Amino acid sequence: MLNIIILEDNTNERKLIQKIIENRILINSTPHSYSAKVVLSTGDPQTVLTYVKEHKDCNFLAFLDIDLKTTLDGIEVASRIRNMGIFSQIVFVTADATALRLTIERHVEPLDYITKDISLEHIQQKIYETVDTAYQRYRFTMKSATHINYFTYSKIRNFIEKIPLDQIYYISIQQKKYKTLRVYAKNKIFDCIGTLKDYEKKYPNFVLADRQNLINLNTIKDYDEKNGIVYFDKGIYHSVAVRRRRSIMLKLKEEQNKKGENN
């Protein structure tokens, strides 16, 4: 679903923008409603940033007023969203067209601009066109990614990166670094923020090999249950604790059966 955020400090204008967007979600050029929803409508920039932080895996379309008369303007909010969202499209709504040049200086690269000095009819049409374009991009992105599952992670707080899940071999605790993990992937080793419990819960195919390591069932090529060793690509392997060996064998068989059913 495309999650839509409205940040506008004028209550009446905010309600108007929301009504226009919701009308377009329901009635558009397609036979069906868009898979989209206004999830947040507010005049507080910090509320927007908090919401995005708590929903990092969502796909956002954000309508942001530039002049918010607070310590944070819409351009700064957009810049921070860019550093947090996997997929985010930004639309600036402003009464001062000269402020738009700042978006170029800040390298925000918005989807569109809507100025408030045009007629209501034109504002409505601009919002309709913007929602249509954003939704088409969202659909294209989702369609392109349907065959790829991603591992998302943070190297530094509030900045998200991703790589395909089928490139991850295993993840280990970094003993001397609080909530820091080392990820062993195909042709790549890197650290990220989090705990093994976080990733075990988020990715069903990640299972504990022991108390210090998670292994990715989907990248295991062979398993020696007797000696407790899982093999990934050539020369890459990992040991398995005695008490975990049987359960991992059963999980691998489950995965094989699922693949057989899907083929």
Protein backbone atom coordinates (compact mmCIF):
# COMPACT_ATOMS: atom_id res chain seq x y z
CA MET A 1 0.00 0.00 0.00
CA LEU A 2 1.11 3.55 -0.73
CA ASN A 3 1.06 5.46 2.56
CA ILE A 4 0.26 9.15 2.17
CA ILE A 5 1.35 11.83 4.64
CA ILE A 6 0.12 15.43 4.71
CA LEU A 7 2.12 18.07 6.58
CA GLU A 8 0.32 21.43 6.54
CA ASP A 9 0.02 23.85 9.47
CA ASN A 10 -3.16 25.50 8.16
CA THR A 11 -6.02 23.28 9.38
CA ASN A 12 -8.49 24.22 6.65
CA GLU A 13 -5.95 23.77 3.87
CA ARG A 14 -4.83 20.46 5.37
CA LYS A 15 -8.40 19.14 5.41
CA LEU A 16 -8.93 20.30 1.82
CA ILE A 17 -5.77 18.55 0.59
CA GLN A 18 -6.77 15.37 2.40
CA LYS A 19 -10.27 15.43 0.90
CA ILE A 20 -8.90 15.87 -2.64
CA ILE A 21 -6.40 13.04 -2.17
CA GLU A 22 -9.00 10.67 -0.74
CA ASN A 23 -11.37 11.46 -3.61
CA ARG A 24 -8.63 10.54 -6.08
CA ILE A 25 -7.87 7.28 -4.28
CA LEU A 26 -11.52 6.27 -4.65
CA ILE A 27 -12.22 7.65 -8.13
CA ASN A 28 -9.47 7.63 -10.73
CA SER A 29 -8.76 6.52 -14.29
CA THR A 30 -8.64 2.83 -13.28
CA PRO A 31 -11.65 0.58 -12.58
CA HIS A 32 -10.64 0.23 -8.93
CA SER A 33 -9.64 2.34 -5.95
CA TYR A 34 -5.91 2.83 -5.46
CA SER A 35 -4.19 0.74 -2.84
CA ALA A 36 -3.34 3.90 -0.96
CA LYS A 37 -4.35 5.64 2.26
CA VAL A 38 -3.79 8.92 4.08
CA VAL A 39 -2.10 7.51 7.17
CA LEU A 40 -1.13 10.82 8.75
CA SER A 41 -2.41 14.38 8.42
CA THR A 42 -0.78 16.89 10.76
CA GLY A 43 0.74 20.32 11.17
CA ASP A 44 3.60 19.05 13.33
CA PRO A 45 6.82 18.15 11.45
CA GLN A 46 8.17 16.10 14.36
CA THR A 47 5.08 13.89 14.28
CA VAL A 48 5.82 13.13 10.63
CA LEU A 49 9.45 12.22 11.33
CA THR A 50 8.47 10.01 14.25
CA TYR A 51 5.88 8.20 12.15
CA VAL A 52 8.33 7.53 9.30
CA LYS A 53 10.96 6.25 11.75
CA GLU A 54 8.44 3.80 13.17
CA HIS A 55 7.31 2.60 9.72
CA LYS A 56 10.59 2.39 7.80
CA ASP A 57 9.48 -0.49 5.60
CA CYS A 58 6.47 1.41 4.23
CA ASN A 59 6.20 3.24 0.91
CA PHE A 60 5.45 6.93 1.34
CA LEU A 61 4.04 9.81 -0.64
CA ALA A 62 4.42 12.98 1.42
CA PHE A 63 2.71 16.33 0.75
CA LEU A 64 4.81 18.87 2.67
CA ASP A 65 4.16 22.54 3.26
CA ILE A 66 7.50 24.36 3.12
CA ASP A 67 6.87 27.27 5.51
CA LEU A 68 5.69 25.67 8.75
CA LYS A 69 6.64 28.53 11.10
CA THR A 70 8.57 26.08 13.28
CA THR A 71 12.24 25.23 13.73
CA LEU A 72 11.81 22.58 11.02
CA ASP A 73 10.62 23.59 7.56
CA GLY A 74 9.20 21.24 4.95
CA ILE A 75 12.48 21.00 3.06
CA GLU A 76 14.33 19.83 6.18
CA VAL A 77 11.59 17.27 6.85
CA ALA A 78 11.93 16.03 3.27
CA SER A 79 15.69 15.74 3.63
CA ARG A 80 15.32 13.63 6.77
CA ILE A 81 12.64 11.44 5.20
CA ARG A 82 15.01 10.78 2.31
CA ASN A 83 17.51 9.37 4.81
CA MET A 84 14.92 7.09 6.45
CA GLY A 85 12.55 5.76 3.79
CA ILE A 86 13.20 2.90 1.40
CA PHE A 87 10.68 4.35 -1.03
CA SER A 88 9.49 7.92 -0.57
CA GLN A 89 8.08 10.49 -2.98
CA ILE A 90 7.92 14.13 -1.95
CA VAL A 91 5.51 16.84 -3.08
CA PHE A 92 5.99 20.40 -1.85
CA VAL A 93 2.97 22.61 -1.28
CA THR A 94 3.82 26.27 -0.74
CA ALA A 95 2.50 29.81 -0.94
CA ASP A 96 5.98 31.14 -1.69
CA ALA A 97 7.26 29.89 -5.05
CA THR A 98 10.68 31.49 -4.45
CA ALA A 99 11.28 28.97 -1.64
CA LEU A 100 11.32 26.18 -4.20
CA ARG A 101 14.85 27.06 -5.28
CA LEU A 102 16.01 25.83 -1.86
CA THR A 103 14.89 22.32 -2.76
CA ILE A 104 17.48 22.35 -5.55
CA GLU A 105 20.20 23.54 -3.20
CA ARG A 106 19.29 20.81 -0.68
CA HIS A 107 19.19 18.08 -3.38
CA VAL A 108 15.76 16.86 -2.26
CA GLU A 109 14.51 16.09 -5.78
CA PRO A 110 10.73 16.25 -5.22
CA LEU A 111 8.17 14.52 -7.39
CA ASP A 112 6.30 17.81 -7.89
CA TYR A 113 5.53 21.30 -6.58
CA ILE A 114 2.10 22.76 -5.92
CA THR A 115 1.79 26.48 -5.31
CA LYS A 116 -1.16 27.91 -3.41
CA ASP A 117 -1.49 31.00 -5.60
CA ILE A 118 -3.51 29.16 -8.26
CA SER A 119 -7.23 28.48 -8.35
CA LEU A 120 -8.81 25.69 -6.32
CA GLU A 121 -9.67 23.90 -9.54
CA HIS A 122 -6.03 23.90 -10.61
CA ILE A 123 -4.83 22.81 -7.16
CA GLN A 124 -7.25 19.88 -7.30
CA GLN A 125 -6.05 18.92 -10.77
CA LYS A 126 -2.39 19.15 -9.72
CA ILE A 127 -3.04 16.91 -6.71
CA TYR A 128 -4.93 14.41 -8.88
CA GLU A 129 -2.05 14.28 -11.38
CA THR A 130 0.53 13.96 -8.61
CA VAL A 131 -1.32 11.13 -6.86
CA ASP A 132 -1.70 9.34 -10.22
CA THR A 133 2.01 9.66 -11.01
CA ALA A 134 3.10 8.62 -7.52
CA TYR A 135 0.83 5.60 -7.58
CA GLN A 136 2.07 4.52 -11.01
CA ARG A 137 5.67 4.75 -9.76
CA TYR A 138 4.75 2.81 -6.63
CA ARG A 139 3.10 0.06 -8.69
CA PHE A 140 6.09 -0.14 -11.03
CA THR A 141 8.50 -0.37 -8.10
CA MET A 142 6.45 -3.09 -6.42
CA LYS A 143 6.13 -5.04 -9.66
CA SER A 144 9.87 -4.85 -10.29
CA ALA A 145 10.63 -6.07 -6.79
CA THR A 146 8.08 -8.89 -6.52
CA HIS A 147 10.65 -11.56 -7.30
CA ILE A 148 13.28 -10.16 -4.91
CA ASN A 149 13.14 -10.16 -1.12
CA TYR A 150 15.42 -7.66 0.55
CA PHE A 151 17.40 -7.55 3.77
CA THR A 152 17.07 -4.03 5.16
CA TYR A 153 19.52 -2.67 7.72
CA SER A 154 21.03 0.47 9.25
CA LYS A 155 24.75 1.14 9.39
CA ILE A 156 24.07 4.39 11.16
CA ARG A 157 20.88 5.37 12.94
CA ASN A 158 17.99 6.50 10.72
CA PHE A 159 19.71 5.65 7.42
CA ILE A 160 18.36 2.53 5.72
CA GLU A 161 20.15 0.35 3.17
CA LYS A 162 19.19 -2.96 1.58
CA ILE A 163 20.60 -5.96 -0.28
CA PRO A 164 18.83 -9.05 -1.64
CA LEU A 165 18.13 -11.64 1.07
CA ASP A 166 19.61 -14.42 -1.03
CA GLN A 167 23.03 -12.77 -0.68
CA ILE A 168 23.13 -13.10 3.12
CA TYR A 169 24.97 -16.09 4.62
CA TYR A 170 25.01 -15.43 8.36
CA ILE A 171 25.02 -12.70 11.00
CA SER A 172 27.22 -12.56 14.10
CA ILE A 173 27.21 -10.53 17.30
CA GLN A 174 30.02 -8.00 17.64
CA GLN A 175 31.08 -8.64 21.23
CA LYS A 176 32.69 -5.29 21.97
CA LYS A 177 30.11 -3.13 20.24
CA TYR A 178 26.66 -2.62 21.78
CA LYS A 179 23.81 -3.68 19.48
CA THR A 180 26.16 -4.05 16.54
CA LEU A 181 26.14 -7.08 14.24
CA ARG A 182 28.49 -8.24 11.52
CA VAL A 183 26.80 -9.47 8.35
CA TYR A 184 28.54 -11.98 6.10
CA ALA A 185 27.12 -11.75 2.58
CA LYS A 186 28.14 -12.68 -0.95
CA ASN A 187 31.29 -10.69 -1.75
CA LYS A 188 30.55 -8.36 1.15
CA ILE A 189 31.05 -8.11 4.93
CA PHE A 190 29.57 -5.17 6.84
CA ASP A 191 28.34 -4.09 10.26
CA CYS A 192 24.82 -2.95 11.08
CA ILE A 193 22.78 -1.83 14.07
CA GLY A 194 20.45 -4.27 15.82
CA THR A 195 20.22 -7.54 17.69
CA LEU A 196 19.95 -11.14 16.53
CA LYS A 197 16.45 -11.22 18.01
CA ASP A 198 15.42 -8.27 15.80
CA TYR A 199 16.42 -10.03 12.60
CA GLU A 200 15.23 -13.48 13.68
CA LYS A 201 11.78 -12.01 14.23
CA LYS A 202 11.79 -10.01 10.99
CA TYR A 203 13.06 -12.78 8.66
CA PRO A 204 11.55 -16.27 9.18
CA ASN A 205 14.40 -17.95 7.26
CA PHE A 206 17.01 -16.63 9.68
CA VAL A 207 17.55 -19.15 12.49
CA LEU A 208 19.99 -19.36 15.37
CA ALA A 209 23.01 -21.59 14.78
CA ASP A 210 24.07 -20.83 18.35
CA ARG A 211 23.71 -17.95 20.80
CA GLN A 212 26.02 -15.71 18.80
CA ASN A 213 24.99 -16.31 15.18
CA LEU A 214 22.02 -16.38 12.82
CA ILE A 215 22.19 -18.36 9.59
CA ASN A 216 20.10 -17.89 6.47
CA LEU A 217 18.39 -21.17 5.57
CA ASN A 218 17.81 -20.00 2.00
CA THR A 219 21.52 -19.73 1.17
CA ILE A 220 22.59 -23.07 2.65
CA LYS A 221 23.81 -25.41 -0.11
CA ASP A 222 24.59 -28.45 2.07
CA TYR A 223 24.34 -29.52 5.70
CA ASP A 224 26.41 -32.03 7.67
CA GLU A 225 24.10 -32.66 10.63
CA LYS A 226 26.44 -35.15 12.29
CA ASN A 227 29.35 -32.70 12.48
CA GLY A 228 27.14 -29.63 12.74
CA ILE A 229 28.32 -27.65 9.72
CA VAL A 230 26.26 -25.74 7.16
CA TYR A 231 27.84 -24.95 3.82
CA PHE A 232 27.04 -21.88 1.75
CA ASP A 233 29.02 -20.98 -1.36
CA LYS A 234 32.42 -22.55 -1.99
CA GLY A 235 34.70 -22.16 1.03
CA ILE A 236 32.01 -20.52 3.17
CA TYR A 237 30.55 -22.51 6.05
CA HIS A 238 29.41 -22.15 9.65
CA SER A 239 29.22 -24.45 12.66
CA VAL A 240 25.95 -25.30 14.40
CA ALA A 241 25.55 -25.88 18.15
CA VAL A 242 24.71 -29.48 19.10
CA ARG A 243 21.33 -28.57 20.53
CA ARG A 244 20.38 -26.73 17.32
CA ARG A 245 21.39 -29.38 14.76
CA ARG A 246 18.19 -31.39 14.67
CA SER A 247 15.88 -28.37 14.50
CA ILE A 248 17.86 -26.87 11.63
CA MET A 249 17.66 -30.14 9.70
CA LEU A 250 13.87 -30.12 10.12
CA LYS A 251 13.63 -26.49 9.03
CA LEU A 252 15.72 -27.17 5.94
CA LYS A 253 13.42 -30.05 5.01
CA GLU A 254 10.39 -27.77 5.46
CA GLU A 255 11.94 -25.24 3.09
CA GLN A 256 12.69 -27.93 0.53
CA ASN A 257 9.08 -29.16 0.70
CA LYS A 258 7.76 -25.63 0.20
CA LYS A 259 9.94 -25.14 -2.87
CA GLY A 260 8.77 -28.48 -4.23
CA GLU A 261 5.12 -27.48 -3.80
CA ASN A 262 5.68 -24.16 -5.58
CA ASN A 263 7.40 -25.78 -8.57
